[in-house]
Amino acid sequence: MSFYSGIDLHSNNHVVVVIDEEDNKVMDKRIDNNLNATLALLAPYKEQIKSVAIESTFNWYWLVDGLIEHGYQVELVNTAAVNNTMA
């Protein structure tokens, strides 16, 4: 089964969500801004995660770079520009 992750990044913490290919939430947790904590949280899903979407208006460099360095496919999302076609 494939998984997808979304991360809402704030100034000192972020919310990490993992969903499966049927949109079922399998993990949802707020953690401090720490790359090692994020990697540990995503580790059980790493082989099945197809992409990580990160929403942030600032301070995203450390997280995007760190995830890419550890083999994750990362997309930086501008929520103001997302066309929500889901009903």
N, C-alpha and C. Protein backbone atom coordinates (compact mmCIF):
# COMPACT_ATOMS: atom_id res chain seq x y z
N MET A 1 0.85 -1.18 0.00
CA MET A 1 0.00 0.00 0.00
C MET A 1 0.89 1.24 0.00
N SER A 2 0.49 2.23 -0.75
CA SER A 2 1.22 3.50 -0.82
C SER A 2 0.73 4.45 0.27
N PHE A 3 1.67 5.29 0.75
CA PHE A 3 1.35 6.32 1.71
C PHE A 3 1.78 7.67 1.17
N TYR A 4 1.15 8.72 1.68
CA TYR A 4 1.49 10.09 1.35
C TYR A 4 1.54 10.87 2.66
N SER A 5 2.45 11.83 2.74
CA SER A 5 2.57 12.62 3.96
C SER A 5 2.36 14.09 3.66
N GLY A 6 1.74 14.76 4.62
CA GLY A 6 1.59 16.21 4.57
C GLY A 6 2.14 16.78 5.85
N ILE A 7 2.90 17.86 5.74
CA ILE A 7 3.48 18.50 6.92
C ILE A 7 3.11 19.98 6.90
N ASP A 8 2.50 20.43 8.00
CA ASP A 8 2.17 21.84 8.19
C ASP A 8 3.23 22.40 9.13
N LEU A 9 4.15 23.19 8.57
CA LEU A 9 5.32 23.67 9.30
C LEU A 9 5.07 25.05 9.89
N HIS A 10 5.31 25.16 11.19
CA HIS A 10 5.17 26.42 11.91
C HIS A 10 6.54 26.87 12.41
N SER A 11 6.60 27.96 13.14
CA SER A 11 7.89 28.51 13.57
C SER A 11 8.65 27.60 14.52
N ASN A 12 7.96 26.88 15.41
CA ASN A 12 8.69 26.03 16.35
C ASN A 12 8.16 24.60 16.44
N ASN A 13 7.20 24.24 15.60
CA ASN A 13 6.66 22.88 15.58
C ASN A 13 6.06 22.61 14.21
N HIS A 14 5.71 21.36 13.99
CA HIS A 14 5.01 21.01 12.76
C HIS A 14 4.11 19.81 12.99
N VAL A 15 3.07 19.75 12.19
CA VAL A 15 2.12 18.65 12.25
C VAL A 15 2.41 17.74 11.06
N VAL A 16 2.62 16.48 11.37
CA VAL A 16 2.92 15.49 10.35
C VAL A 16 1.73 14.54 10.24
N VAL A 17 1.22 14.39 9.03
CA VAL A 17 0.11 13.48 8.77
C VAL A 17 0.55 12.50 7.68
N VAL A 18 0.17 11.25 7.86
CA VAL A 18 0.40 10.24 6.84
C VAL A 18 -0.96 9.63 6.52
N ILE A 19 -1.27 9.55 5.22
CA ILE A 19 -2.51 8.91 4.77
C ILE A 19 -2.17 7.77 3.82
N ASP A 20 -3.10 6.84 3.72
CA ASP A 20 -2.90 5.76 2.75
C ASP A 20 -3.53 6.15 1.42
N GLU A 21 -3.46 5.26 0.46
CA GLU A 21 -3.94 5.57 -0.89
C GLU A 21 -5.46 5.68 -0.97
N GLU A 22 -6.14 5.31 0.10
CA GLU A 22 -7.60 5.44 0.15
C GLU A 22 -8.03 6.62 1.03
N ASP A 23 -7.10 7.52 1.31
CA ASP A 23 -7.32 8.72 2.13
C ASP A 23 -7.62 8.43 3.59
N ASN A 24 -7.22 7.29 4.09
CA ASN A 24 -7.36 6.98 5.51
C ASN A 24 -6.15 7.52 6.26
N LYS A 25 -6.40 8.26 7.32
CA LYS A 25 -5.30 8.80 8.13
C LYS A 25 -4.70 7.68 8.97
N VAL A 26 -3.40 7.46 8.81
CA VAL A 26 -2.73 6.41 9.57
C VAL A 26 -1.84 6.98 10.67
N MET A 27 -1.53 8.28 10.59
CA MET A 27 -0.73 8.92 11.62
C MET A 27 -0.96 10.43 11.56
N ASP A 28 -1.03 11.06 12.72
CA ASP A 28 -1.25 12.51 12.82
C ASP A 28 -0.62 12.96 14.13
N LYS A 29 0.47 13.72 14.05
CA LYS A 29 1.17 14.10 15.28
C LYS A 29 1.84 15.46 15.13
N ARG A 30 1.77 16.27 16.20
CA ARG A 30 2.49 17.54 16.27
C ARG A 30 3.80 17.29 17.01
N ILE A 31 4.91 17.74 16.41
CA ILE A 31 6.22 17.56 17.02
C ILE A 31 7.02 18.86 16.92
N ASP A 32 8.07 18.95 17.72
CA ASP A 32 8.97 20.09 17.65
C ASP A 32 9.72 20.09 16.32
N ASN A 33 10.18 21.26 15.90
CA ASN A 33 10.96 21.37 14.68
C ASN A 33 12.34 20.78 14.90
N ASN A 34 12.48 19.54 14.53
CA ASN A 34 13.72 18.79 14.69
C ASN A 34 13.74 17.72 13.61
N LEU A 35 14.73 17.78 12.74
CA LEU A 35 14.79 16.85 11.61
C LEU A 35 14.84 15.40 12.08
N ASN A 36 15.63 15.10 13.11
CA ASN A 36 15.72 13.72 13.57
C ASN A 36 14.38 13.20 14.08
N ALA A 37 13.62 14.05 14.75
CA ALA A 37 12.30 13.64 15.23
C ALA A 37 11.37 13.37 14.05
N THR A 38 11.45 14.19 13.02
CA THR A 38 10.62 14.00 11.83
C THR A 38 10.99 12.70 11.12
N LEU A 39 12.27 12.47 10.95
CA LEU A 39 12.72 11.23 10.29
C LEU A 39 12.29 10.01 11.08
N ALA A 40 12.37 10.07 12.40
CA ALA A 40 11.95 8.93 13.24
C ALA A 40 10.45 8.70 13.11
N LEU A 41 9.68 9.77 13.05
CA LEU A 41 8.23 9.64 12.93
C LEU A 41 7.83 9.04 11.58
N LEU A 42 8.53 9.41 10.52
CA LEU A 42 8.22 8.91 9.18
C LEU A 42 8.83 7.54 8.89
N ALA A 43 9.81 7.13 9.66
CA ALA A 43 10.57 5.91 9.38
C ALA A 43 9.71 4.66 9.15
N PRO A 44 8.68 4.42 9.96
CA PRO A 44 7.89 3.20 9.72
C PRO A 44 7.17 3.17 8.36
N TYR A 45 7.03 4.32 7.74
CA TYR A 45 6.30 4.44 6.48
C TYR A 45 7.20 4.72 5.28
N LYS A 46 8.50 4.89 5.53
CA LYS A 46 9.42 5.43 4.51
C LYS A 46 9.37 4.67 3.18
N GLU A 47 9.41 3.37 3.21
CA GLU A 47 9.46 2.60 1.97
C GLU A 47 8.19 2.74 1.14
N GLN A 48 7.07 3.07 1.78
CA GLN A 48 5.81 3.18 1.06
C GLN A 48 5.39 4.62 0.78
N ILE A 49 6.10 5.62 1.36
CA ILE A 49 5.73 7.02 1.13
C ILE A 49 6.12 7.43 -0.28
N LYS A 50 5.13 7.84 -1.05
CA LYS A 50 5.37 8.27 -2.43
C LYS A 50 5.82 9.73 -2.49
N SER A 51 5.30 10.56 -1.58
CA SER A 51 5.63 11.98 -1.61
C SER A 51 5.29 12.62 -0.27
N VAL A 52 6.05 13.68 0.06
CA VAL A 52 5.79 14.47 1.25
C VAL A 52 5.50 15.89 0.80
N ALA A 53 4.32 16.40 1.12
CA ALA A 53 3.94 17.77 0.80
C ALA A 53 4.14 18.62 2.04
N ILE A 54 4.87 19.73 1.90
CA ILE A 54 5.15 20.61 3.03
C ILE A 54 4.53 21.96 2.75
N GLU A 55 3.71 22.42 3.71
CA GLU A 55 3.08 23.74 3.63
C GLU A 55 3.79 24.66 4.60
N SER A 56 4.37 25.71 4.05
CA SER A 56 5.05 26.69 4.89
C SER A 56 5.26 27.96 4.09
N THR A 57 5.22 29.08 4.78
CA THR A 57 5.49 30.35 4.11
C THR A 57 6.92 30.84 4.38
N PHE A 58 7.58 30.21 5.34
CA PHE A 58 8.95 30.56 5.68
C PHE A 58 9.59 29.38 6.41
N ASN A 59 10.82 29.42 6.69
CA ASN A 59 11.63 28.48 7.49
C ASN A 59 11.56 27.03 7.04
N TRP A 60 11.30 26.76 5.78
CA TRP A 60 11.13 25.39 5.31
C TRP A 60 12.42 24.74 4.82
N TYR A 61 13.48 25.51 4.63
CA TYR A 61 14.71 25.01 4.01
C TYR A 61 15.28 23.78 4.72
N TRP A 62 15.41 23.87 6.04
CA TRP A 62 16.02 22.77 6.80
C TRP A 62 15.23 21.47 6.65
N LEU A 63 13.91 21.56 6.62
CA LEU A 63 13.08 20.37 6.54
C LEU A 63 13.08 19.78 5.13
N VAL A 64 12.90 20.61 4.14
CA VAL A 64 12.91 20.14 2.75
C VAL A 64 14.27 19.53 2.41
N ASP A 65 15.33 20.25 2.70
CA ASP A 65 16.68 19.74 2.40
C ASP A 65 16.97 18.44 3.14
N GLY A 66 16.59 18.39 4.42
CA GLY A 66 16.85 17.19 5.21
C GLY A 66 16.09 15.98 4.72
N LEU A 67 14.83 16.16 4.36
CA LEU A 67 14.04 15.03 3.86
C LEU A 67 14.57 14.55 2.50
N ILE A 68 14.92 15.49 1.64
CA ILE A 68 15.48 15.11 0.33
C ILE A 68 16.78 14.34 0.52
N GLU A 69 17.62 14.81 1.42
CA GLU A 69 18.90 14.12 1.69
C GLU A 69 18.68 12.69 2.20
N HIS A 70 17.54 12.44 2.80
CA HIS A 70 17.24 11.10 3.31
C HIS A 70 16.33 10.30 2.39
N GLY A 71 16.20 10.74 1.14
CA GLY A 71 15.55 9.94 0.11
C GLY A 71 14.06 10.15 -0.09
N TYR A 72 13.49 11.18 0.53
CA TYR A 72 12.06 11.43 0.34
C TYR A 72 11.81 12.33 -0.87
N GLN A 73 10.73 12.07 -1.59
CA GLN A 73 10.25 12.94 -2.65
C GLN A 73 9.45 14.05 -1.97
N VAL A 74 9.87 15.31 -2.12
CA VAL A 74 9.26 16.42 -1.39
C VAL A 74 8.67 17.44 -2.35
N GLU A 75 7.48 17.92 -1.99
CA GLU A 75 6.81 18.98 -2.73
C GLU A 75 6.54 20.12 -1.76
N LEU A 76 6.94 21.33 -2.11
CA LEU A 76 6.64 22.50 -1.31
C LEU A 76 5.32 23.07 -1.82
N VAL A 77 4.35 23.25 -0.93
CA VAL A 77 2.99 23.62 -1.33
C VAL A 77 2.68 25.05 -0.90
N ASN A 78 2.19 25.83 -1.84
CA ASN A 78 1.68 27.17 -1.56
C ASN A 78 0.16 27.02 -1.46
N THR A 79 -0.35 27.02 -0.23
CA THR A 79 -1.78 26.75 -0.05
C THR A 79 -2.67 27.81 -0.70
N ALA A 80 -2.16 29.00 -0.88
CA ALA A 80 -2.96 30.05 -1.52
C ALA A 80 -3.15 29.76 -3.01
N ALA A 81 -2.28 28.93 -3.58
CA ALA A 81 -2.36 28.65 -5.01
C ALA A 81 -2.94 27.27 -5.33
N VAL A 82 -3.27 26.49 -4.30
CA VAL A 82 -3.79 25.14 -4.53
C VAL A 82 -5.24 25.22 -4.98
N ASN A 83 -5.54 24.50 -6.05
CA ASN A 83 -6.90 24.41 -6.56
C ASN A 83 -7.53 23.18 -5.94
N ASN A 84 -8.42 23.38 -4.98
CA ASN A 84 -9.06 22.27 -4.30
C ASN A 84 -10.26 21.81 -5.12
N THR A 85 -10.11 20.66 -5.75
CA THR A 85 -11.19 20.13 -6.57
C THR A 85 -11.97 19.04 -5.85
N MET A 86 -11.61 18.76 -4.61
CA MET A 86 -12.33 17.73 -3.85
C MET A 86 -13.60 18.32 -3.26
N ALA A 87 -14.65 17.56 -3.32
CA ALA A 87 -15.93 18.03 -2.77
C ALA A 87 -16.16 17.45 -1.39
